[in-house]
Amino acid sequence: MSKKLNLLDEVDLVLNPKKMLDTRYLVYVVLSILFVGVVLFPKIYIQQQIYFKSRDISKLKGEYDTLKEENRLISSSVESIRFKNQIFDTIF
């Protein structure tokens, strides 16, 4: 029985050799991860900065539109008061 098991173990080693992971493989994996990180980090950082800047710009644009509308309303109110003032001045 043991001869059969030994023979099966040796056949298994021949058909499916065990691959040992050595330090070279580990170094290649670490260098690959670092390379991908170095390549992708600037892209992610720049996209994030563009997102935050565009969000700030959108907020400022909304405030600008609001102030512009308020300026229009105040200008028309001032014009109305000025017109009333000129008419009342001519009556008296």
PDB file of N, CA and C in Angstrom:
ATOM      1  N   MET A   1       0.813  -1.180   0.000  1.00  0.00           N
ATOM      2  CA  MET A   1       0.000   0.000   0.000  1.00  0.00           C
ATOM      3  C   MET A   1       0.864   1.254   0.000  1.00  0.00           C
ATOM      4  N   SER A   2       1.928   1.216   0.733  1.00  0.00           N
ATOM      5  CA  SER A   2       2.774   2.399   0.799  1.00  0.00           C
ATOM      6  C   SER A   2       3.505   2.635  -0.515  1.00  0.00           C
ATOM      7  N   LYS A   3       3.786   1.539  -1.248  1.00  0.00           N
ATOM      8  CA  LYS A   3       4.441   1.724  -2.540  1.00  0.00           C
ATOM      9  C   LYS A   3       3.495   2.438  -3.507  1.00  0.00           C
ATOM     10  N   LYS A   4       2.217   2.090  -3.441  1.00  0.00           N
ATOM     11  CA  LYS A   4       1.234   2.744  -4.293  1.00  0.00           C
ATOM     12  C   LYS A   4       1.122   4.233  -3.941  1.00  0.00           C
ATOM     13  N   LEU A   5       1.108   4.536  -2.664  1.00  0.00           N
ATOM     14  CA  LEU A   5       1.005   5.932  -2.227  1.00  0.00           C
ATOM     15  C   LEU A   5       2.247   6.725  -2.624  1.00  0.00           C
ATOM     16  N   ASN A   6       3.413   6.091  -2.488  1.00  0.00           N
ATOM     17  CA  ASN A   6       4.657   6.761  -2.901  1.00  0.00           C
ATOM     18  C   ASN A   6       4.650   7.017  -4.398  1.00  0.00           C
ATOM     19  N   LEU A   7       4.185   6.032  -5.149  1.00  0.00           N
ATOM     20  CA  LEU A   7       4.121   6.188  -6.599  1.00  0.00           C
ATOM     21  C   LEU A   7       3.129   7.289  -6.974  1.00  0.00           C
ATOM     22  N   LEU A   8       1.971   7.325  -6.317  1.00  0.00           N
ATOM     23  CA  LEU A   8       0.982   8.369  -6.589  1.00  0.00           C
ATOM     24  C   LEU A   8       1.512   9.750  -6.205  1.00  0.00           C
ATOM     25  N   ASP A   9       2.248   9.837  -5.119  1.00  0.00           N
ATOM     26  CA  ASP A   9       2.837  11.112  -4.712  1.00  0.00           C
ATOM     27  C   ASP A   9       3.854  11.594  -5.736  1.00  0.00           C
ATOM     28  N   GLU A  10       4.651  10.679  -6.255  1.00  0.00           N
ATOM     29  CA  GLU A  10       5.648  11.077  -7.245  1.00  0.00           C
ATOM     30  C   GLU A  10       5.001  11.456  -8.577  1.00  0.00           C
ATOM     31  N   VAL A  11       3.954  10.771  -8.953  1.00  0.00           N
ATOM     32  CA  VAL A  11       3.232  11.117 -10.183  1.00  0.00           C
ATOM     33  C   VAL A  11       2.583  12.490 -10.009  1.00  0.00           C
ATOM     34  N   ASP A  12       2.039  12.722  -8.826  1.00  0.00           N
ATOM     35  CA  ASP A  12       1.432  14.020  -8.546  1.00  0.00           C
ATOM     36  C   ASP A  12       2.478  15.131  -8.621  1.00  0.00           C
ATOM     37  N   LEU A  13       3.677  14.890  -8.119  1.00  0.00           N
ATOM     38  CA  LEU A  13       4.747  15.894  -8.196  1.00  0.00           C
ATOM     39  C   LEU A  13       5.158  16.163  -9.635  1.00  0.00           C
ATOM     40  N   VAL A  14       5.144  15.131 -10.458  1.00  0.00           N
ATOM     41  CA  VAL A  14       5.524  15.308 -11.859  1.00  0.00           C
ATOM     42  C   VAL A  14       4.426  16.055 -12.614  1.00  0.00           C
ATOM     43  N   LEU A  15       3.165  15.698 -12.379  1.00  0.00           N
ATOM     44  CA  LEU A  15       2.065  16.325 -13.099  1.00  0.00           C
ATOM     45  C   LEU A  15       1.752  17.727 -12.577  1.00  0.00           C
ATOM     46  N   ASN A  16       1.842  17.930 -11.297  1.00  0.00           N
ATOM     47  CA  ASN A  16       1.532  19.215 -10.675  1.00  0.00           C
ATOM     48  C   ASN A  16       2.704  19.661  -9.806  1.00  0.00           C
ATOM     49  N   PRO A  17       3.718  20.185 -10.435  1.00  0.00           N
ATOM     50  CA  PRO A  17       4.863  20.582  -9.594  1.00  0.00           C
ATOM     51  C   PRO A  17       4.487  21.766  -8.703  1.00  0.00           C
ATOM     52  N   LYS A  18       4.971  21.728  -7.485  1.00  0.00           N
ATOM     53  CA  LYS A  18       4.691  22.813  -6.550  1.00  0.00           C
ATOM     54  C   LYS A  18       5.567  24.001  -6.899  1.00  0.00           C
ATOM     55  N   LYS A  19       4.933  25.132  -6.963  1.00  0.00           N
ATOM     56  CA  LYS A  19       5.666  26.349  -7.296  1.00  0.00           C
ATOM     57  C   LYS A  19       6.003  27.056  -6.001  1.00  0.00           C
ATOM     58  N   MET A  20       7.243  27.234  -5.789  1.00  0.00           N
ATOM     59  CA  MET A  20       7.696  27.926  -4.599  1.00  0.00           C
ATOM     60  C   MET A  20       7.757  29.418  -4.892  1.00  0.00           C
ATOM     61  N   LEU A  21       7.227  30.211  -3.982  1.00  0.00           N
ATOM     62  CA  LEU A  21       7.283  31.653  -4.125  1.00  0.00           C
ATOM     63  C   LEU A  21       8.559  32.136  -3.466  1.00  0.00           C
ATOM     64  N   ASP A  22       9.412  32.703  -4.280  1.00  0.00           N
ATOM     65  CA  ASP A  22      10.674  33.182  -3.731  1.00  0.00           C
ATOM     66  C   ASP A  22      10.640  34.694  -3.558  1.00  0.00           C
ATOM     67  N   THR A  23      11.728  35.243  -3.108  1.00  0.00           N
ATOM     68  CA  THR A  23      11.778  36.684  -2.829  1.00  0.00           C
ATOM     69  C   THR A  23      11.723  37.503  -4.113  1.00  0.00           C
ATOM     70  N   ARG A  24      12.229  36.961  -5.222  1.00  0.00           N
ATOM     71  CA  ARG A  24      12.152  37.694  -6.491  1.00  0.00           C
ATOM     72  C   ARG A  24      10.708  37.953  -6.886  1.00  0.00           C
ATOM     73  N   TYR A  25       9.876  36.947  -6.731  1.00  0.00           N
ATOM     74  CA  TYR A  25       8.456  37.086  -7.047  1.00  0.00           C
ATOM     75  C   TYR A  25       7.816  38.147  -6.155  1.00  0.00           C
ATOM     76  N   LEU A  26       8.142  38.110  -4.889  1.00  0.00           N
ATOM     77  CA  LEU A  26       7.606  39.098  -3.951  1.00  0.00           C
ATOM     78  C   LEU A  26       8.049  40.512  -4.323  1.00  0.00           C
ATOM     79  N   VAL A  27       9.301  40.672  -4.716  1.00  0.00           N
ATOM     80  CA  VAL A  27       9.811  41.984  -5.121  1.00  0.00           C
ATOM     81  C   VAL A  27       9.080  42.467  -6.374  1.00  0.00           C
ATOM     82  N   TYR A  28       8.847  41.573  -7.342  1.00  0.00           N
ATOM     83  CA  TYR A  28       8.114  41.949  -8.547  1.00  0.00           C
ATOM     84  C   TYR A  28       6.690  42.406  -8.221  1.00  0.00           C
ATOM     85  N   VAL A  29       6.041  41.711  -7.321  1.00  0.00           N
ATOM     86  CA  VAL A  29       4.671  42.075  -6.941  1.00  0.00           C
ATOM     87  C   VAL A  29       4.664  43.438  -6.257  1.00  0.00           C
ATOM     88  N   VAL A  30       5.570  43.663  -5.320  1.00  0.00           N
ATOM     89  CA  VAL A  30       5.625  44.941  -4.610  1.00  0.00           C
ATOM     90  C   VAL A  30       5.948  46.079  -5.575  1.00  0.00           C
ATOM     91  N   LEU A  31       6.911  45.859  -6.479  1.00  0.00           N
ATOM     92  CA  LEU A  31       7.247  46.898  -7.459  1.00  0.00           C
ATOM     93  C   LEU A  31       6.078  47.174  -8.401  1.00  0.00           C
ATOM     94  N   SER A  32       5.346  46.158  -8.775  1.00  0.00           N
ATOM     95  CA  SER A  32       4.181  46.353  -9.638  1.00  0.00           C
ATOM     96  C   SER A  32       3.114  47.176  -8.929  1.00  0.00           C
ATOM     97  N   ILE A  33       2.864  46.874  -7.668  1.00  0.00           N
ATOM     98  CA  ILE A  33       1.871  47.640  -6.900  1.00  0.00           C
ATOM     99  C   ILE A  33       2.318  49.081  -6.743  1.00  0.00           C
ATOM    100  N   LEU A  34       3.597  49.295  -6.465  1.00  0.00           N
ATOM    101  CA  LEU A  34       4.109  50.663  -6.340  1.00  0.00           C
ATOM    102  C   LEU A  34       3.998  51.421  -7.659  1.00  0.00           C
ATOM    103  N   PHE A  35       4.299  50.758  -8.761  1.00  0.00           N
ATOM    104  CA  PHE A  35       4.215  51.407 -10.072  1.00  0.00           C
ATOM    105  C   PHE A  35       2.777  51.820 -10.373  1.00  0.00           C
ATOM    106  N   VAL A  36       1.837  50.926 -10.125  1.00  0.00           N
ATOM    107  CA  VAL A  36       0.426  51.246 -10.360  1.00  0.00           C
ATOM    108  C   VAL A  36       0.001  52.394  -9.449  1.00  0.00           C
ATOM    109  N   GLY A  37       0.442  52.377  -8.198  1.00  0.00           N
ATOM    110  CA  GLY A  37       0.110  53.460  -7.275  1.00  0.00           C
ATOM    111  C   GLY A  37       0.677  54.790  -7.726  1.00  0.00           C
ATOM    112  N   VAL A  38       1.915  54.789  -8.184  1.00  0.00           N
ATOM    113  CA  VAL A  38       2.555  56.029  -8.637  1.00  0.00           C
ATOM    114  C   VAL A  38       1.872  56.564  -9.883  1.00  0.00           C
ATOM    115  N   VAL A  39       1.414  55.683 -10.739  1.00  0.00           N
ATOM    116  CA  VAL A  39       0.746  56.119 -11.969  1.00  0.00           C
ATOM    117  C   VAL A  39      -0.661  56.623 -11.679  1.00  0.00           C
ATOM    118  N   LEU A  40      -1.392  55.953 -10.792  1.00  0.00           N
ATOM    119  CA  LEU A  40      -2.785  56.309 -10.563  1.00  0.00           C
ATOM    120  C   LEU A  40      -2.989  57.406  -9.523  1.00  0.00           C
ATOM    121  N   PHE A  41      -2.071  57.587  -8.588  1.00  0.00           N
ATOM    122  CA  PHE A  41      -2.259  58.579  -7.532  1.00  0.00           C
ATOM    123  C   PHE A  41      -2.417  59.993  -8.077  1.00  0.00           C
ATOM    124  N   PRO A  42      -1.571  60.461  -9.001  1.00  0.00           N
ATOM    125  CA  PRO A  42      -1.768  61.827  -9.509  1.00  0.00           C
ATOM    126  C   PRO A  42      -3.114  62.007 -10.205  1.00  0.00           C
ATOM    127  N   LYS A  43      -3.554  60.996 -10.928  1.00  0.00           N
ATOM    128  CA  LYS A  43      -4.842  61.090 -11.618  1.00  0.00           C
ATOM    129  C   LYS A  43      -5.979  61.234 -10.613  1.00  0.00           C
ATOM    130  N   ILE A  44      -5.968  60.421  -9.587  1.00  0.00           N
ATOM    131  CA  ILE A  44      -7.011  60.482  -8.567  1.00  0.00           C
ATOM    132  C   ILE A  44      -6.956  61.815  -7.837  1.00  0.00           C
ATOM    133  N   TYR A  45      -5.751  62.279  -7.504  1.00  0.00           N
ATOM    134  CA  TYR A  45      -5.593  63.546  -6.786  1.00  0.00           C
ATOM    135  C   TYR A  45      -6.110  64.714  -7.620  1.00  0.00           C
ATOM    136  N   ILE A  46      -5.762  64.736  -8.898  1.00  0.00           N
ATOM    137  CA  ILE A  46      -6.185  65.829  -9.780  1.00  0.00           C
ATOM    138  C   ILE A  46      -7.705  65.808  -9.959  1.00  0.00           C
ATOM    139  N   GLN A  47      -8.295  64.626 -10.131  1.00  0.00           N
ATOM    140  CA  GLN A  47      -9.754  64.546 -10.272  1.00  0.00           C
ATOM    141  C   GLN A  47     -10.451  65.042  -9.016  1.00  0.00           C
ATOM    142  N   GLN A  48      -9.896  64.714  -7.867  1.00  0.00           N
ATOM    143  CA  GLN A  48     -10.499  65.166  -6.610  1.00  0.00           C
ATOM    144  C   GLN A  48     -10.403  66.680  -6.473  1.00  0.00           C
ATOM    145  N   GLN A  49      -9.268  67.257  -6.840  1.00  0.00           N
ATOM    146  CA  GLN A  49      -9.106  68.705  -6.757  1.00  0.00           C
ATOM    147  C   GLN A  49     -10.048  69.414  -7.735  1.00  0.00           C
ATOM    148  N   ILE A  50     -10.203  68.864  -8.932  1.00  0.00           N
ATOM    149  CA  ILE A  50     -11.122  69.453  -9.911  1.00  0.00           C
ATOM    150  C   ILE A  50     -12.547  69.405  -9.373  1.00  0.00           C
ATOM    151  N   TYR A  51     -12.925  68.309  -8.737  1.00  0.00           N
ATOM    152  CA  TYR A  51     -14.265  68.184  -8.171  1.00  0.00           C
ATOM    153  C   TYR A  51     -14.517  69.253  -7.116  1.00  0.00           C
ATOM    154  N   PHE A  52     -13.571  69.419  -6.178  1.00  0.00           N
ATOM    155  CA  PHE A  52     -13.768  70.402  -5.112  1.00  0.00           C
ATOM    156  C   PHE A  52     -13.781  71.828  -5.662  1.00  0.00           C
ATOM    157  N   LYS A  53     -12.925  72.135  -6.637  1.00  0.00           N
ATOM    158  CA  LYS A  53     -12.916  73.477  -7.235  1.00  0.00           C
ATOM    159  C   LYS A  53     -14.221  73.745  -7.972  1.00  0.00           C
ATOM    160  N   SER A  54     -14.721  72.763  -8.717  1.00  0.00           N
ATOM    161  CA  SER A  54     -15.964  72.982  -9.446  1.00  0.00           C
ATOM    162  C   SER A  54     -17.140  73.140  -8.487  1.00  0.00           C
ATOM    163  N   ARG A  55     -17.094  72.445  -7.355  1.00  0.00           N
ATOM    164  CA  ARG A  55     -18.138  72.617  -6.351  1.00  0.00           C
ATOM    165  C   ARG A  55     -18.099  74.029  -5.772  1.00  0.00           C
ATOM    166  N   ASP A  56     -16.890  74.546  -5.500  1.00  0.00           N
ATOM    167  CA  ASP A  56     -16.754  75.919  -5.007  1.00  0.00           C
ATOM    168  C   ASP A  56     -17.228  76.925  -6.051  1.00  0.00           C
ATOM    169  N   ILE A  57     -16.869  76.692  -7.305  1.00  0.00           N
ATOM    170  CA  ILE A  57     -17.278  77.597  -8.384  1.00  0.00           C
ATOM    171  C   ILE A  57     -18.795  77.600  -8.524  1.00  0.00           C
ATOM    172  N   SER A  58     -19.406  76.446  -8.427  1.00  0.00           N
ATOM    173  CA  SER A  58     -20.869  76.366  -8.526  1.00  0.00           C
ATOM    174  C   SER A  58     -21.528  77.134  -7.388  1.00  0.00           C
ATOM    175  N   LYS A  59     -20.988  77.009  -6.191  1.00  0.00           N
ATOM    176  CA  LYS A  59     -21.539  77.744  -5.043  1.00  0.00           C
ATOM    177  C   LYS A  59     -21.407  79.247  -5.254  1.00  0.00           C
ATOM    178  N   LEU A  60     -20.225  79.699  -5.710  1.00  0.00           N
ATOM    179  CA  LEU A  60     -20.010  81.127  -5.957  1.00  0.00           C
ATOM    180  C   LEU A  60     -20.897  81.634  -7.090  1.00  0.00           C
ATOM    181  N   LYS A  61     -21.125  80.808  -8.108  1.00  0.00           N
ATOM    182  CA  LYS A  61     -22.000  81.199  -9.223  1.00  0.00           C
ATOM    183  C   LYS A  61     -23.423  81.403  -8.729  1.00  0.00           C
ATOM    184  N   GLY A  62     -23.888  80.518  -7.848  1.00  0.00           N
ATOM    185  CA  GLY A  62     -25.223  80.676  -7.275  1.00  0.00           C
ATOM    186  C   GLY A  62     -25.332  81.953  -6.464  1.00  0.00           C
ATOM    187  N   GLU A  63     -24.321  82.245  -5.659  1.00  0.00           N
ATOM    188  CA  GLU A  63     -24.326  83.484  -4.877  1.00  0.00           C
ATOM    189  C   GLU A  63     -24.280  84.706  -5.793  1.00  0.00           C
ATOM    190  N   TYR A  64     -23.496  84.633  -6.874  1.00  0.00           N
ATOM    191  CA  TYR A  64     -23.399  85.738  -7.830  1.00  0.00           C
ATOM    192  C   TYR A  64     -24.756  86.003  -8.479  1.00  0.00           C
ATOM    193  N   ASP A  65     -25.442  84.933  -8.899  1.00  0.00           N
ATOM    194  CA  ASP A  65     -26.763  85.104  -9.521  1.00  0.00           C
ATOM    195  C   ASP A  65     -27.761  85.713  -8.542  1.00  0.00           C
ATOM    196  N   THR A  66     -27.690  85.283  -7.276  1.00  0.00           N
ATOM    197  CA  THR A  66     -28.594  85.832  -6.261  1.00  0.00           C
ATOM    198  C   THR A  66     -28.315  87.319  -6.050  1.00  0.00           C
ATOM    199  N   LEU A  67     -27.049  87.684  -5.929  1.00  0.00           N
ATOM    200  CA  LEU A  67     -26.690  89.090  -5.723  1.00  0.00           C
ATOM    201  C   LEU A  67     -27.053  89.943  -6.936  1.00  0.00           C
ATOM    202  N   LYS A  68     -26.910  89.379  -8.116  1.00  0.00           N
ATOM    203  CA  LYS A  68     -27.267  90.115  -9.328  1.00  0.00           C
ATOM    204  C   LYS A  68     -28.767  90.393  -9.354  1.00  0.00           C
ATOM    205  N   GLU A  69     -29.568  89.410  -8.973  1.00  0.00           N
ATOM    206  CA  GLU A  69     -31.025  89.596  -8.929  1.00  0.00           C
ATOM    207  C   GLU A  69     -31.395  90.618  -7.852  1.00  0.00           C
ATOM    208  N   GLU A  70     -30.745  90.549  -6.685  1.00  0.00           N
ATOM    209  CA  GLU A  70     -31.008  91.534  -5.631  1.00  0.00           C
ATOM    210  C   GLU A  70     -30.640  92.942  -6.102  1.00  0.00           C
ATOM    211  N   ASN A  71     -29.533  93.055  -6.822  1.00  0.00           N
ATOM    212  CA  ASN A  71     -29.114  94.355  -7.351  1.00  0.00           C
ATOM    213  C   ASN A  71     -30.156  94.899  -8.320  1.00  0.00           C
ATOM    214  N   ARG A  72     -30.714  94.032  -9.148  1.00  0.00           N
ATOM    215  CA  ARG A  72     -31.747  94.462 -10.088  1.00  0.00           C
ATOM    216  C   ARG A  72     -32.991  94.952  -9.340  1.00  0.00           C
ATOM    217  N   LEU A  73     -33.401  94.208  -8.306  1.00  0.00           N
ATOM    218  CA  LEU A  73     -34.571  94.617  -7.532  1.00  0.00           C
ATOM    219  C   LEU A  73     -34.322  95.936  -6.805  1.00  0.00           C
ATOM    220  N   ILE A  74     -33.154  96.091  -6.210  1.00  0.00           N
ATOM    221  CA  ILE A  74     -32.831  97.327  -5.486  1.00  0.00           C
ATOM    222  C   ILE A  74     -32.740  98.498  -6.454  1.00  0.00           C
ATOM    223  N   SER A  75     -32.173  98.273  -7.635  1.00  0.00           N
ATOM    224  CA  SER A  75     -32.076  99.346  -8.634  1.00  0.00           C
ATOM    225  C   SER A  75     -33.455  99.799  -9.079  1.00  0.00           C
ATOM    226  N   SER A  76     -34.353  98.854  -9.290  1.00  0.00           N
ATOM    227  CA  SER A  76     -35.708  99.253  -9.699  1.00  0.00           C
ATOM    228  C   SER A  76     -36.422  99.967  -8.553  1.00  0.00           C
ATOM    229  N   SER A  77     -36.177  99.551  -7.323  1.00  0.00           N
ATOM    230  CA  SER A  77     -36.773 100.219  -6.168  1.00  0.00           C
ATOM    231  C   SER A  77     -36.226 101.637  -6.042  1.00  0.00           C
ATOM    232  N   VAL A  78     -34.930 101.814  -6.224  1.00  0.00           N
ATOM    233  CA  VAL A  78     -34.322 103.151  -6.162  1.00  0.00           C
ATOM    234  C   VAL A  78     -34.858 104.023  -7.277  1.00  0.00           C
ATOM    235  N   GLU A  79     -35.002 103.461  -8.456  1.00  0.00           N
ATOM    236  CA  GLU A  79     -35.542 104.222  -9.590  1.00  0.00           C
ATOM    237  C   GLU A  79     -36.979 104.647  -9.307  1.00  0.00           C
ATOM    238  N   SER A  80     -37.761 103.769  -8.714  1.00  0.00           N
ATOM    239  CA  SER A  80     -39.139 104.097  -8.372  1.00  0.00           C
ATOM    240  C   SER A  80     -39.185 105.211  -7.329  1.00  0.00           C
ATOM    241  N   ILE A  81     -38.364 105.124  -6.309  1.00  0.00           N
ATOM    242  CA  ILE A  81     -38.316 106.162  -5.278  1.00  0.00           C
ATOM    243  C   ILE A  81     -37.843 107.485  -5.874  1.00  0.00           C
ATOM    244  N   ARG A  82     -36.859 107.442  -6.741  1.00  0.00           N
ATOM    245  CA  ARG A  82     -36.348 108.646  -7.388  1.00  0.00           C
ATOM    246  C   ARG A  82     -37.437 109.300  -8.242  1.00  0.00           C
ATOM    247  N   PHE A  83     -38.187 108.478  -8.981  1.00  0.00           N
ATOM    248  CA  PHE A  83     -39.264 108.992  -9.814  1.00  0.00           C
ATOM    249  C   PHE A  83     -40.344 109.657  -8.953  1.00  0.00           C
ATOM    250  N   LYS A  84     -40.757 108.982  -7.859  1.00  0.00           N
ATOM    251  CA  LYS A  84     -41.753 109.568  -6.953  1.00  0.00           C
ATOM    252  C   LYS A  84     -41.240 110.875  -6.371  1.00  0.00           C
ATOM    253  N   ASN A  85     -39.974 110.901  -6.004  1.00  0.00           N
ATOM    254  CA  ASN A  85     -39.379 112.097  -5.413  1.00  0.00           C
ATOM    255  C   ASN A  85     -39.401 113.254  -6.412  1.00  0.00           C
ATOM    256  N   GLN A  86     -39.090 113.002  -7.660  1.00  0.00           N
ATOM    257  CA  GLN A  86     -39.102 114.047  -8.672  1.00  0.00           C
ATOM    258  C   GLN A  86     -40.518 114.553  -8.939  1.00  0.00           C
ATOM    259  N   ILE A  87     -41.486 113.654  -8.938  1.00  0.00           N
ATOM    260  CA  ILE A  87     -42.872 114.085  -9.175  1.00  0.00           C
ATOM    261  C   ILE A  87     -43.372 114.905  -8.010  1.00  0.00           C
ATOM    262  N   PHE A  88     -43.103 114.462  -6.771  1.00  0.00           N
ATOM    263  CA  PHE A  88     -43.561 115.220  -5.603  1.00  0.00           C
ATOM    264  C   PHE A  88     -42.856 116.566  -5.514  1.00  0.00           C
ATOM    265  N   ASP A  89     -41.606 116.658  -5.934  1.00  0.00           N
ATOM    266  CA  ASP A  89     -40.897 117.932  -5.930  1.00  0.00           C
ATOM    267  C   ASP A  89     -41.537 118.927  -6.902  1.00  0.00           C
ATOM    268  N   THR A  90     -42.007 118.468  -8.021  1.00  0.00           N
ATOM    269  CA  THR A  90     -42.617 119.383  -8.994  1.00  0.00           C
ATOM    270  C   THR A  90     -44.010 119.814  -8.565  1.00  0.00           C
ATOM    271  N   ILE A  91     -44.690 118.968  -7.767  1.00  0.00           N
ATOM    272  CA  ILE A  91     -46.033 119.330  -7.306  1.00  0.00           C
ATOM    273  C   ILE A  91     -45.933 120.446  -6.262  1.00  0.00           C
ATOM    274  N   PHE A  92     -45.000 120.392  -5.359  1.00  0.00           N
ATOM    275  CA  PHE A  92     -44.901 121.411  -4.309  1.00  0.00           C
ATOM    276  C   PHE A  92     -44.132 122.562  -4.784  1.00  0.00           C
TER     277      PHE A  92
END
